[in-house]
Amino acid sequence: MSTEAPKFNQTNVYRVRRDSRLNQSIFLSKVILKKHGTIQIEGMGESISLVAKVAQILQKNGLASTTSITSGSVSRE
């Protein structure tokens, strides 16, 4: 019985960090799209604008379409 953790990049989720670059994000998004067919781009805080730019560029080039945009907040106690 093997309980292996999922290998790197085995899901269709791309999490954008604050220090991510636009060109790098587009390239990795294209790789995930080619492998899985769909992509979910996530970001938090300062990286939200980069997430929106990547989604707009992918949509403008006909590679993806935006189906939903959601926002949430995290509360600290």
PDB file of N, CA and C in Angstrom:
ATOM      1  N   MET A   1       0.844  -1.172   0.000  1.00  0.00           N
ATOM      2  CA  MET A   1       0.000   0.000   0.000  1.00  0.00           C
ATOM      3  C   MET A   1       0.891   1.238   0.000  1.00  0.00           C
ATOM      4  N   SER A   2       0.827   1.963  -1.060  1.00  0.00           N
ATOM      5  CA  SER A   2       1.689   3.123  -1.233  1.00  0.00           C
ATOM      6  C   SER A   2       0.877   4.401  -1.118  1.00  0.00           C
ATOM      7  N   THR A   3       1.316   5.300  -0.254  1.00  0.00           N
ATOM      8  CA  THR A   3       0.649   6.595  -0.114  1.00  0.00           C
ATOM      9  C   THR A   3       1.612   7.681  -0.553  1.00  0.00           C
ATOM     10  N   GLU A   4       1.779   7.790  -1.855  1.00  0.00           N
ATOM     11  CA  GLU A   4       2.686   8.783  -2.409  1.00  0.00           C
ATOM     12  C   GLU A   4       1.985  10.127  -2.524  1.00  0.00           C
ATOM     13  N   ALA A   5       2.732  11.166  -2.289  1.00  0.00           N
ATOM     14  CA  ALA A   5       2.201  12.512  -2.498  1.00  0.00           C
ATOM     15  C   ALA A   5       2.139  12.770  -3.998  1.00  0.00           C
ATOM     16  N   PRO A   6       1.188  13.603  -4.447  1.00  0.00           N
ATOM     17  CA  PRO A   6       1.133  13.893  -5.882  1.00  0.00           C
ATOM     18  C   PRO A   6       2.426  14.555  -6.345  1.00  0.00           C
ATOM     19  N   LYS A   7       2.881  14.167  -7.520  1.00  0.00           N
ATOM     20  CA  LYS A   7       4.097  14.744  -8.071  1.00  0.00           C
ATOM     21  C   LYS A   7       3.862  16.206  -8.430  1.00  0.00           C
ATOM     22  N   PHE A   8       4.949  16.938  -8.565  1.00  0.00           N
ATOM     23  CA  PHE A   8       4.865  18.360  -8.876  1.00  0.00           C
ATOM     24  C   PHE A   8       4.113  18.573 -10.179  1.00  0.00           C
ATOM     25  N   ASN A   9       3.199  19.504 -10.177  1.00  0.00           N
ATOM     26  CA  ASN A   9       2.456  19.935 -11.357  1.00  0.00           C
ATOM     27  C   ASN A   9       1.586  18.831 -11.954  1.00  0.00           C
ATOM     28  N   GLN A  10       1.001  18.008 -11.105  1.00  0.00           N
ATOM     29  CA  GLN A  10       0.090  16.982 -11.581  1.00  0.00           C
ATOM     30  C   GLN A  10      -1.365  17.458 -11.554  1.00  0.00           C
ATOM     31  N   THR A  11      -1.593  18.702 -11.163  1.00  0.00           N
ATOM     32  CA  THR A  11      -2.942  19.248 -11.153  1.00  0.00           C
ATOM     33  C   THR A  11      -3.032  20.405 -12.142  1.00  0.00           C
ATOM     34  N   ASN A  12      -4.227  20.891 -12.363  1.00  0.00           N
ATOM     35  CA  ASN A  12      -4.411  21.991 -13.311  1.00  0.00           C
ATOM     36  C   ASN A  12      -4.458  23.350 -12.611  1.00  0.00           C
ATOM     37  N   VAL A  13      -3.896  23.450 -11.424  1.00  0.00           N
ATOM     38  CA  VAL A  13      -3.907  24.695 -10.656  1.00  0.00           C
ATOM     39  C   VAL A  13      -2.546  25.361 -10.776  1.00  0.00           C
ATOM     40  N   TYR A  14      -2.567  26.657 -11.106  1.00  0.00           N
ATOM     41  CA  TYR A  14      -1.338  27.452 -11.126  1.00  0.00           C
ATOM     42  C   TYR A  14      -1.499  28.578 -10.123  1.00  0.00           C
ATOM     43  N   ARG A  15      -0.640  28.595  -9.116  1.00  0.00           N
ATOM     44  CA  ARG A  15      -0.703  29.619  -8.073  1.00  0.00           C
ATOM     45  C   ARG A  15       0.340  30.679  -8.358  1.00  0.00           C
ATOM     46  N   VAL A  16      -0.125  31.901  -8.552  1.00  0.00           N
ATOM     47  CA  VAL A  16       0.755  33.029  -8.860  1.00  0.00           C
ATOM     48  C   VAL A  16       1.234  33.629  -7.542  1.00  0.00           C
ATOM     49  N   ARG A  17       2.546  33.825  -7.460  1.00  0.00           N
ATOM     50  CA  ARG A  17       3.124  34.444  -6.274  1.00  0.00           C
ATOM     51  C   ARG A  17       3.436  35.899  -6.562  1.00  0.00           C
ATOM     52  N   ARG A  18       3.784  36.610  -5.512  1.00  0.00           N
ATOM     53  CA  ARG A  18       4.074  38.042  -5.635  1.00  0.00           C
ATOM     54  C   ARG A  18       5.268  38.296  -6.536  1.00  0.00           C
ATOM     55  N   ASP A  19       6.267  37.412  -6.512  1.00  0.00           N
ATOM     56  CA  ASP A  19       7.485  37.622  -7.286  1.00  0.00           C
ATOM     57  C   ASP A  19       7.477  36.903  -8.635  1.00  0.00           C
ATOM     58  N   SER A  20       6.318  36.419  -9.081  1.00  0.00           N
ATOM     59  CA  SER A  20       6.224  35.765 -10.387  1.00  0.00           C
ATOM     60  C   SER A  20       6.323  36.801 -11.503  1.00  0.00           C
ATOM     61  N   ARG A  21       6.857  36.374 -12.627  1.00  0.00           N
ATOM     62  CA  ARG A  21       6.951  37.259 -13.789  1.00  0.00           C
ATOM     63  C   ARG A  21       5.831  36.928 -14.770  1.00  0.00           C
ATOM     64  N   LEU A  22       5.421  37.918 -15.554  1.00  0.00           N
ATOM     65  CA  LEU A  22       4.314  37.739 -16.481  1.00  0.00           C
ATOM     66  C   LEU A  22       4.644  36.699 -17.547  1.00  0.00           C
ATOM     67  N   ASN A  23       5.824  36.784 -18.157  1.00  0.00           N
ATOM     68  CA  ASN A  23       6.207  35.833 -19.208  1.00  0.00           C
ATOM     69  C   ASN A  23       6.282  34.408 -18.668  1.00  0.00           C
ATOM     70  N   GLN A  24       6.816  34.259 -17.470  1.00  0.00           N
ATOM     71  CA  GLN A  24       6.923  32.942 -16.849  1.00  0.00           C
ATOM     72  C   GLN A  24       5.526  32.387 -16.565  1.00  0.00           C
ATOM     73  N   SER A  25       4.635  33.225 -16.086  1.00  0.00           N
ATOM     74  CA  SER A  25       3.284  32.781 -15.768  1.00  0.00           C
ATOM     75  C   SER A  25       2.527  32.343 -17.018  1.00  0.00           C
ATOM     76  N   ILE A  26       2.695  33.074 -18.107  1.00  0.00           N
ATOM     77  CA  ILE A  26       2.027  32.703 -19.359  1.00  0.00           C
ATOM     78  C   ILE A  26       2.576  31.382 -19.884  1.00  0.00           C
ATOM     79  N   PHE A  27       3.895  31.210 -19.841  1.00  0.00           N
ATOM     80  CA  PHE A  27       4.507  29.971 -20.314  1.00  0.00           C
ATOM     81  C   PHE A  27       4.017  28.775 -19.505  1.00  0.00           C
ATOM     82  N   LEU A  28       4.036  28.893 -18.181  1.00  0.00           N
ATOM     83  CA  LEU A  28       3.599  27.773 -17.343  1.00  0.00           C
ATOM     84  C   LEU A  28       2.101  27.505 -17.507  1.00  0.00           C
ATOM     85  N   SER A  29       1.322  28.551 -17.723  1.00  0.00           N
ATOM     86  CA  SER A  29      -0.109  28.362 -17.967  1.00  0.00           C
ATOM     87  C   SER A  29      -0.353  27.603 -19.260  1.00  0.00           C
ATOM     88  N   LYS A  30       0.432  27.911 -20.295  1.00  0.00           N
ATOM     89  CA  LYS A  30       0.304  27.184 -21.565  1.00  0.00           C
ATOM     90  C   LYS A  30       0.683  25.722 -21.408  1.00  0.00           C
ATOM     91  N   VAL A  31       1.709  25.445 -20.610  1.00  0.00           N
ATOM     92  CA  VAL A  31       2.125  24.057 -20.374  1.00  0.00           C
ATOM     93  C   VAL A  31       1.012  23.288 -19.663  1.00  0.00           C
ATOM     94  N   ILE A  32       0.418  23.897 -18.643  1.00  0.00           N
ATOM     95  CA  ILE A  32      -0.665  23.243 -17.910  1.00  0.00           C
ATOM     96  C   ILE A  32      -1.884  23.054 -18.801  1.00  0.00           C
ATOM     97  N   LEU A  33      -2.203  24.041 -19.634  1.00  0.00           N
ATOM     98  CA  LEU A  33      -3.325  23.911 -20.562  1.00  0.00           C
ATOM     99  C   LEU A  33      -3.108  22.772 -21.545  1.00  0.00           C
ATOM    100  N   LYS A  34      -1.884  22.644 -22.043  1.00  0.00           N
ATOM    101  CA  LYS A  34      -1.585  21.579 -23.000  1.00  0.00           C
ATOM    102  C   LYS A  34      -1.700  20.206 -22.346  1.00  0.00           C
ATOM    103  N   LYS A  35      -1.291  20.120 -21.084  1.00  0.00           N
ATOM    104  CA  LYS A  35      -1.296  18.834 -20.390  1.00  0.00           C
ATOM    105  C   LYS A  35      -2.683  18.431 -19.908  1.00  0.00           C
ATOM    106  N   HIS A  36      -3.460  19.388 -19.375  1.00  0.00           N
ATOM    107  CA  HIS A  36      -4.737  19.065 -18.743  1.00  0.00           C
ATOM    108  C   HIS A  36      -5.962  19.538 -19.525  1.00  0.00           C
ATOM    109  N   GLY A  37      -5.819  20.533 -20.373  1.00  0.00           N
ATOM    110  CA  GLY A  37      -6.959  21.051 -21.107  1.00  0.00           C
ATOM    111  C   GLY A  37      -7.675  22.185 -20.405  1.00  0.00           C
ATOM    112  N   THR A  38      -7.576  22.248 -19.094  1.00  0.00           N
ATOM    113  CA  THR A  38      -8.160  23.342 -18.318  1.00  0.00           C
ATOM    114  C   THR A  38      -7.113  23.840 -17.330  1.00  0.00           C
ATOM    115  N   ILE A  39      -7.330  25.046 -16.840  1.00  0.00           N
ATOM    116  CA  ILE A  39      -6.409  25.616 -15.867  1.00  0.00           C
ATOM    117  C   ILE A  39      -7.189  26.454 -14.874  1.00  0.00           C
ATOM    118  N   GLN A  40      -6.727  26.444 -13.652  1.00  0.00           N
ATOM    119  CA  GLN A  40      -7.284  27.295 -12.600  1.00  0.00           C
ATOM    120  C   GLN A  40      -6.128  28.137 -12.083  1.00  0.00           C
ATOM    121  N   ILE A  41      -6.224  29.443 -12.271  1.00  0.00           N
ATOM    122  CA  ILE A  41      -5.165  30.358 -11.869  1.00  0.00           C
ATOM    123  C   ILE A  41      -5.579  31.010 -10.556  1.00  0.00           C
ATOM    124  N   GLU A  42      -4.718  30.919  -9.558  1.00  0.00           N
ATOM    125  CA  GLU A  42      -5.025  31.450  -8.246  1.00  0.00           C
ATOM    126  C   GLU A  42      -3.979  32.474  -7.824  1.00  0.00           C
ATOM    127  N   GLY A  43      -4.400  33.429  -7.040  1.00  0.00           N
ATOM    128  CA  GLY A  43      -3.486  34.417  -6.496  1.00  0.00           C
ATOM    129  C   GLY A  43      -4.087  35.060  -5.271  1.00  0.00           C
ATOM    130  N   MET A  44      -3.235  35.665  -4.457  1.00  0.00           N
ATOM    131  CA  MET A  44      -3.681  36.294  -3.232  1.00  0.00           C
ATOM    132  C   MET A  44      -2.960  37.616  -3.037  1.00  0.00           C
ATOM    133  N   GLY A  45      -3.671  38.601  -2.578  1.00  0.00           N
ATOM    134  CA  GLY A  45      -3.047  39.874  -2.229  1.00  0.00           C
ATOM    135  C   GLY A  45      -2.526  40.637  -3.434  1.00  0.00           C
ATOM    136  N   GLU A  46      -1.228  40.918  -3.432  1.00  0.00           N
ATOM    137  CA  GLU A  46      -0.612  41.722  -4.479  1.00  0.00           C
ATOM    138  C   GLU A  46      -0.592  41.034  -5.838  1.00  0.00           C
ATOM    139  N   SER A  47      -0.745  39.745  -5.877  1.00  0.00           N
ATOM    140  CA  SER A  47      -0.641  39.008  -7.143  1.00  0.00           C
ATOM    141  C   SER A  47      -1.953  38.929  -7.918  1.00  0.00           C
ATOM    142  N   ILE A  48      -3.026  39.493  -7.399  1.00  0.00           N
ATOM    143  CA  ILE A  48      -4.322  39.447  -8.084  1.00  0.00           C
ATOM    144  C   ILE A  48      -4.257  40.133  -9.442  1.00  0.00           C
ATOM    145  N   SER A  49      -3.539  41.253  -9.517  1.00  0.00           N
ATOM    146  CA  SER A  49      -3.448  41.958 -10.802  1.00  0.00           C
ATOM    147  C   SER A  49      -2.707  41.115 -11.832  1.00  0.00           C
ATOM    148  N   LEU A  50      -1.705  40.361 -11.411  1.00  0.00           N
ATOM    149  CA  LEU A  50      -0.976  39.487 -12.325  1.00  0.00           C
ATOM    150  C   LEU A  50      -1.860  38.334 -12.795  1.00  0.00           C
ATOM    151  N   VAL A  51      -2.686  37.812 -11.915  1.00  0.00           N
ATOM    152  CA  VAL A  51      -3.629  36.755 -12.291  1.00  0.00           C
ATOM    153  C   VAL A  51      -4.579  37.266 -13.367  1.00  0.00           C
ATOM    154  N   ALA A  52      -5.085  38.474 -13.194  1.00  0.00           N
ATOM    155  CA  ALA A  52      -6.002  39.053 -14.180  1.00  0.00           C
ATOM    156  C   ALA A  52      -5.309  39.276 -15.516  1.00  0.00           C
ATOM    157  N   LYS A  53      -4.063  39.736 -15.501  1.00  0.00           N
ATOM    158  CA  LYS A  53      -3.316  39.948 -16.744  1.00  0.00           C
ATOM    159  C   LYS A  53      -3.094  38.642 -17.489  1.00  0.00           C
ATOM    160  N   VAL A  54      -2.701  37.594 -16.762  1.00  0.00           N
ATOM    161  CA  VAL A  54      -2.464  36.295 -17.398  1.00  0.00           C
ATOM    162  C   VAL A  54      -3.756  35.775 -18.018  1.00  0.00           C
ATOM    163  N   ALA A  55      -4.862  35.880 -17.294  1.00  0.00           N
ATOM    164  CA  ALA A  55      -6.151  35.414 -17.817  1.00  0.00           C
ATOM    165  C   ALA A  55      -6.558  36.200 -19.056  1.00  0.00           C
ATOM    166  N   GLN A  56      -6.341  37.516 -19.049  1.00  0.00           N
ATOM    167  CA  GLN A  56      -6.696  38.336 -20.208  1.00  0.00           C
ATOM    168  C   GLN A  56      -5.853  37.982 -21.422  1.00  0.00           C
ATOM    169  N   ILE A  57      -4.560  37.750 -21.229  1.00  0.00           N
ATOM    170  CA  ILE A  57      -3.675  37.418 -22.349  1.00  0.00           C
ATOM    171  C   ILE A  57      -4.032  36.055 -22.928  1.00  0.00           C
ATOM    172  N   LEU A  58      -4.309  35.074 -22.075  1.00  0.00           N
ATOM    173  CA  LEU A  58      -4.698  33.751 -22.565  1.00  0.00           C
ATOM    174  C   LEU A  58      -6.015  33.823 -23.327  1.00  0.00           C
ATOM    175  N   GLN A  59      -6.940  34.637 -22.844  1.00  0.00           N
ATOM    176  CA  GLN A  59      -8.227  34.771 -23.527  1.00  0.00           C
ATOM    177  C   GLN A  59      -8.066  35.528 -24.845  1.00  0.00           C
ATOM    178  N   LYS A  60      -7.240  36.566 -24.859  1.00  0.00           N
ATOM    179  CA  LYS A  60      -7.031  37.358 -26.068  1.00  0.00           C
ATOM    180  C   LYS A  60      -6.394  36.530 -27.183  1.00  0.00           C
ATOM    181  N   ASN A  61      -5.508  35.609 -26.824  1.00  0.00           N
ATOM    182  CA  ASN A  61      -4.846  34.758 -27.806  1.00  0.00           C
ATOM    183  C   ASN A  61      -5.663  33.525 -28.180  1.00  0.00           C
ATOM    184  N   GLY A  62      -6.844  33.371 -27.607  1.00  0.00           N
ATOM    185  CA  GLY A  62      -7.718  32.256 -27.949  1.00  0.00           C
ATOM    186  C   GLY A  62      -7.312  30.942 -27.315  1.00  0.00           C
ATOM    187  N   LEU A  63      -6.494  30.977 -26.291  1.00  0.00           N
ATOM    188  CA  LEU A  63      -6.035  29.743 -25.653  1.00  0.00           C
ATOM    189  C   LEU A  63      -6.966  29.287 -24.544  1.00  0.00           C
ATOM    190  N   ALA A  64      -7.679  30.212 -23.936  1.00  0.00           N
ATOM    191  CA  ALA A  64      -8.560  29.876 -22.819  1.00  0.00           C
ATOM    192  C   ALA A  64      -9.729  30.842 -22.786  1.00  0.00           C
ATOM    193  N   SER A  65     -10.748  30.473 -22.051  1.00  0.00           N
ATOM    194  CA  SER A  65     -11.877  31.375 -21.827  1.00  0.00           C
ATOM    195  C   SER A  65     -12.143  31.428 -20.327  1.00  0.00           C
ATOM    196  N   THR A  66     -12.541  32.585 -19.871  1.00  0.00           N
ATOM    197  CA  THR A  66     -12.808  32.770 -18.448  1.00  0.00           C
ATOM    198  C   THR A  66     -14.222  32.287 -18.151  1.00  0.00           C
ATOM    199  N   THR A  67     -14.345  31.347 -17.231  1.00  0.00           N
ATOM    200  CA  THR A  67     -15.656  30.816 -16.878  1.00  0.00           C
ATOM    201  C   THR A  67     -16.156  31.379 -15.567  1.00  0.00           C
ATOM    202  N   SER A  68     -15.264  31.609 -14.612  1.00  0.00           N
ATOM    203  CA  SER A  68     -15.716  32.174 -13.344  1.00  0.00           C
ATOM    204  C   SER A  68     -14.568  32.912 -12.669  1.00  0.00           C
ATOM    205  N   ILE A  69     -14.963  33.940 -11.968  1.00  0.00           N
ATOM    206  CA  ILE A  69     -14.024  34.709 -11.151  1.00  0.00           C
ATOM    207  C   ILE A  69     -14.627  34.769  -9.761  1.00  0.00           C
ATOM    208  N   THR A  70     -13.881  34.307  -8.780  1.00  0.00           N
ATOM    209  CA  THR A  70     -14.364  34.325  -7.408  1.00  0.00           C
ATOM    210  C   THR A  70     -13.350  35.037  -6.527  1.00  0.00           C
ATOM    211  N   SER A  71     -13.850  35.584  -5.461  1.00  0.00           N
ATOM    212  CA  SER A  71     -12.956  36.214  -4.499  1.00  0.00           C
ATOM    213  C   SER A  71     -13.358  35.753  -3.101  1.00  0.00           C
ATOM    214  N   GLY A  72     -12.397  35.748  -2.234  1.00  0.00           N
ATOM    215  CA  GLY A  72     -12.662  35.340  -0.860  1.00  0.00           C
ATOM    216  C   GLY A  72     -11.752  36.114   0.063  1.00  0.00           C
ATOM    217  N   SER A  73     -12.062  36.046   1.322  1.00  0.00           N
ATOM    218  CA  SER A  73     -11.239  36.728   2.302  1.00  0.00           C
ATOM    219  C   SER A  73     -10.879  35.755   3.417  1.00  0.00           C
ATOM    220  N   VAL A  74      -9.734  36.000   3.995  1.00  0.00           N
ATOM    221  CA  VAL A  74      -9.255  35.165   5.090  1.00  0.00           C
ATOM    222  C   VAL A  74      -9.275  36.005   6.350  1.00  0.00           C
ATOM    223  N   SER A  75      -9.915  35.519   7.370  1.00  0.00           N
ATOM    224  CA  SER A  75      -9.972  36.279   8.611  1.00  0.00           C
ATOM    225  C   SER A  75      -9.066  35.635   9.648  1.00  0.00           C
ATOM    226  N   ARG A  76      -8.366  36.476  10.349  1.00  0.00           N
ATOM    227  CA  ARG A  76      -7.494  36.010  11.424  1.00  0.00           C
ATOM    228  C   ARG A  76      -8.147  36.339  12.739  1.00  0.00           C
ATOM    229  N   GLU A  77      -8.006  35.441  13.663  1.00  0.00           N
ATOM    230  CA  GLU A  77      -8.610  35.660  14.980  1.00  0.00           C
ATOM    231  C   GLU A  77      -7.572  36.012  16.008  1.00  0.00           C
TER     232      GLU A  77
END
